[in-house]
Amino acid sequence: MIQRIWHGWTSPENAAAYETLIRQAVFPGIATKAGEGFKGAELLRLPGNAEVEFMTILSFDTIDSIKQLTGEDTERAYIPEKGRALLSRWDERARHLELRVEQAS
């Protein structure tokens, strides 16, 4: 499995709206566009005084599954316009790591 990791930052004032957008539109849109190779998504949030950091971790079967979302440039960030309007900055490139061990309690 491939984990796609990406970071974005927003102001504390925009953090709730950004999180709602991710939950209600972005993750469901990714699931639809990426198809069966998409296995799930996680949103992590780190509050701060000046900025709030968000990290997304998307799970895919293979790099070809990611191409359904991004096209050939698999590292290109996928940020819908509504998300760009709420973010103050973001990673232009995502990272892909191969999941080697997963252990549930």
C-alpha atoms as a PDB file:
ATOM      1  CA  MET A   1       0.000   0.000   0.000  1.00  0.00           C
ATOM      2  CA  ILE A   2       1.143   3.551  -0.758  1.00  0.00           C
ATOM      3  CA  GLN A   3       0.575   6.407   1.691  1.00  0.00           C
ATOM      4  CA  ARG A   4       0.343   9.868   0.126  1.00  0.00           C
ATOM      5  CA  ILE A   5       1.329  12.544   2.651  1.00  0.00           C
ATOM      6  CA  TRP A   6       0.695  16.265   2.236  1.00  0.00           C
ATOM      7  CA  HIS A   7       0.689  19.376   4.473  1.00  0.00           C
ATOM      8  CA  GLY A   8      -1.243  22.636   4.366  1.00  0.00           C
ATOM      9  CA  TRP A   9      -1.491  25.566   6.784  1.00  0.00           C
ATOM     10  CA  THR A  10      -4.287  27.985   7.485  1.00  0.00           C
ATOM     11  CA  SER A  11      -5.134  30.717   9.937  1.00  0.00           C
ATOM     12  CA  PRO A  12      -6.879  29.754  13.167  1.00  0.00           C
ATOM     13  CA  GLU A  13      -9.927  31.656  11.869  1.00  0.00           C
ATOM     14  CA  ASN A  14     -10.132  29.471   8.720  1.00  0.00           C
ATOM     15  CA  ALA A  15      -9.271  26.137  10.345  1.00  0.00           C
ATOM     16  CA  ALA A  16     -12.827  24.973  11.088  1.00  0.00           C
ATOM     17  CA  ALA A  17     -14.013  25.884   7.589  1.00  0.00           C
ATOM     18  CA  TYR A  18     -11.053  24.078   6.020  1.00  0.00           C
ATOM     19  CA  GLU A  19     -11.662  20.951   8.073  1.00  0.00           C
ATOM     20  CA  THR A  20     -15.347  20.976   7.095  1.00  0.00           C
ATOM     21  CA  LEU A  21     -14.396  21.326   3.426  1.00  0.00           C
ATOM     22  CA  ILE A  22     -12.035  18.355   3.668  1.00  0.00           C
ATOM     23  CA  ARG A  23     -14.647  16.178   5.408  1.00  0.00           C
ATOM     24  CA  GLN A  24     -17.620  17.093   3.237  1.00  0.00           C
ATOM     25  CA  ALA A  25     -16.132  17.681  -0.212  1.00  0.00           C
ATOM     26  CA  VAL A  26     -12.433  16.948  -0.683  1.00  0.00           C
ATOM     27  CA  PHE A  27     -12.189  13.412   0.714  1.00  0.00           C
ATOM     28  CA  PRO A  28     -15.441  12.258  -0.941  1.00  0.00           C
ATOM     29  CA  GLY A  29     -14.267  13.833  -4.213  1.00  0.00           C
ATOM     30  CA  ILE A  30     -10.931  12.030  -4.009  1.00  0.00           C
ATOM     31  CA  ALA A  31     -12.697   8.730  -3.359  1.00  0.00           C
ATOM     32  CA  THR A  32     -14.864   9.218  -6.447  1.00  0.00           C
ATOM     33  CA  LYS A  33     -12.028  10.334  -8.736  1.00  0.00           C
ATOM     34  CA  ALA A  34      -9.450   7.769  -7.581  1.00  0.00           C
ATOM     35  CA  GLY A  35     -11.804   4.790  -7.767  1.00  0.00           C
ATOM     36  CA  GLU A  36     -11.320   1.350  -6.242  1.00  0.00           C
ATOM     37  CA  GLY A  37      -7.580   1.801  -5.685  1.00  0.00           C
ATOM     38  CA  PHE A  38      -8.281   4.463  -3.058  1.00  0.00           C
ATOM     39  CA  LYS A  39      -8.352   2.804   0.362  1.00  0.00           C
ATOM     40  CA  GLY A  40      -8.944   5.647   2.787  1.00  0.00           C
ATOM     41  CA  ALA A  41      -7.977   9.042   4.148  1.00  0.00           C
ATOM     42  CA  GLU A  42      -6.874  10.577   7.408  1.00  0.00           C
ATOM     43  CA  LEU A  43      -6.803  14.230   8.420  1.00  0.00           C
ATOM     44  CA  LEU A  44      -4.470  15.341  11.194  1.00  0.00           C
ATOM     45  CA  ARG A  45      -4.607  18.800  12.750  1.00  0.00           C
ATOM     46  CA  LEU A  46      -1.976  20.623  14.811  1.00  0.00           C
ATOM     47  CA  PRO A  47      -3.290  23.855  16.379  1.00  0.00           C
ATOM     48  CA  GLY A  48      -0.976  26.808  16.707  1.00  0.00           C
ATOM     49  CA  ASN A  49      -1.258  30.461  17.676  1.00  0.00           C
ATOM     50  CA  ALA A  50      -0.357  31.902  14.281  1.00  0.00           C
ATOM     51  CA  GLU A  51      -1.206  28.950  12.007  1.00  0.00           C
ATOM     52  CA  VAL A  52      -2.994  25.627  12.083  1.00  0.00           C
ATOM     53  CA  GLU A  53      -1.211  22.788  10.312  1.00  0.00           C
ATOM     54  CA  PHE A  54      -3.126  20.054   8.543  1.00  0.00           C
ATOM     55  CA  MET A  55      -1.661  16.803   7.281  1.00  0.00           C
ATOM     56  CA  THR A  56      -3.515  14.439   5.011  1.00  0.00           C
ATOM     57  CA  ILE A  57      -2.601  10.804   4.631  1.00  0.00           C
ATOM     58  CA  LEU A  58      -4.300   9.108   1.700  1.00  0.00           C
ATOM     59  CA  SER A  59      -3.993   5.359   1.188  1.00  0.00           C
ATOM     60  CA  PHE A  60      -3.830   3.758  -2.256  1.00  0.00           C
ATOM     61  CA  ASP A  61      -3.226   0.237  -3.548  1.00  0.00           C
ATOM     62  CA  THR A  62      -0.595   1.286  -6.075  1.00  0.00           C
ATOM     63  CA  ILE A  63       1.008   4.308  -7.694  1.00  0.00           C
ATOM     64  CA  ASP A  64      -1.280   3.706 -10.684  1.00  0.00           C
ATOM     65  CA  SER A  65      -4.239   4.323  -8.375  1.00  0.00           C
ATOM     66  CA  ILE A  66      -2.729   7.692  -7.472  1.00  0.00           C
ATOM     67  CA  LYS A  67      -2.419   8.533 -11.180  1.00  0.00           C
ATOM     68  CA  GLN A  68      -6.214   8.332 -11.449  1.00  0.00           C
ATOM     69  CA  LEU A  69      -6.305  11.278  -9.037  1.00  0.00           C
ATOM     70  CA  THR A  70      -3.297  13.320 -10.167  1.00  0.00           C
ATOM     71  CA  GLY A  71      -2.404  12.264 -13.684  1.00  0.00           C
ATOM     72  CA  GLU A  72       1.170  11.342 -14.576  1.00  0.00           C
ATOM     73  CA  ASP A  73       2.720  13.813 -12.124  1.00  0.00           C
ATOM     74  CA  THR A  74       1.860  11.801  -9.025  1.00  0.00           C
ATOM     75  CA  GLU A  75       3.632  14.151  -6.612  1.00  0.00           C
ATOM     76  CA  ARG A  76       1.647  17.220  -7.678  1.00  0.00           C
ATOM     77  CA  ALA A  77      -0.512  18.523  -4.835  1.00  0.00           C
ATOM     78  CA  TYR A  78      -4.250  18.071  -5.294  1.00  0.00           C
ATOM     79  CA  ILE A  79      -5.867  21.224  -3.850  1.00  0.00           C
ATOM     80  CA  PRO A  80      -9.321  22.292  -5.047  1.00  0.00           C
ATOM     81  CA  GLU A  81      -9.863  26.050  -5.467  1.00  0.00           C
ATOM     82  CA  LYS A  82     -12.076  26.277  -2.370  1.00  0.00           C
ATOM     83  CA  GLY A  83      -9.222  24.786  -0.355  1.00  0.00           C
ATOM     84  CA  ARG A  84      -6.698  27.211  -1.821  1.00  0.00           C
ATOM     85  CA  ALA A  85      -8.929  30.092  -0.724  1.00  0.00           C
ATOM     86  CA  LEU A  86      -8.789  28.905   2.908  1.00  0.00           C
ATOM     87  CA  LEU A  87      -5.111  27.944   3.097  1.00  0.00           C
ATOM     88  CA  SER A  88      -2.314  30.423   3.755  1.00  0.00           C
ATOM     89  CA  ARG A  89       0.342  28.072   2.354  1.00  0.00           C
ATOM     90  CA  TRP A  90       0.787  24.451   1.335  1.00  0.00           C
ATOM     91  CA  ASP A  91       3.215  21.866   0.061  1.00  0.00           C
ATOM     92  CA  GLU A  92       3.331  21.974  -3.728  1.00  0.00           C
ATOM     93  CA  ARG A  93       4.414  18.328  -3.781  1.00  0.00           C
ATOM     94  CA  ALA A  94       3.090  15.305  -1.921  1.00  0.00           C
ATOM     95  CA  ARG A  95       5.297  12.484  -0.704  1.00  0.00           C
ATOM     96  CA  HIS A  96       4.607   8.803  -1.248  1.00  0.00           C
ATOM     97  CA  LEU A  97       5.764   6.202   1.227  1.00  0.00           C
ATOM     98  CA  GLU A  98       5.285   2.469   1.025  1.00  0.00           C
ATOM     99  CA  LEU A  99       3.476   1.055   4.036  1.00  0.00           C
ATOM    100  CA  ARG A 100       5.626  -1.795   5.315  1.00  0.00           C
ATOM    101  CA  VAL A 101       4.069  -2.681   8.670  1.00  0.00           C
ATOM    102  CA  GLU A 102       0.620  -1.992  10.038  1.00  0.00           C
ATOM    103  CA  GLN A 103      -0.371  -3.225  13.457  1.00  0.00           C
ATOM    104  CA  ALA A 104      -3.702  -2.772  15.160  1.00  0.00           C
ATOM    105  CA  SER A 105      -4.077  -3.116  18.913  1.00  0.00           C
END
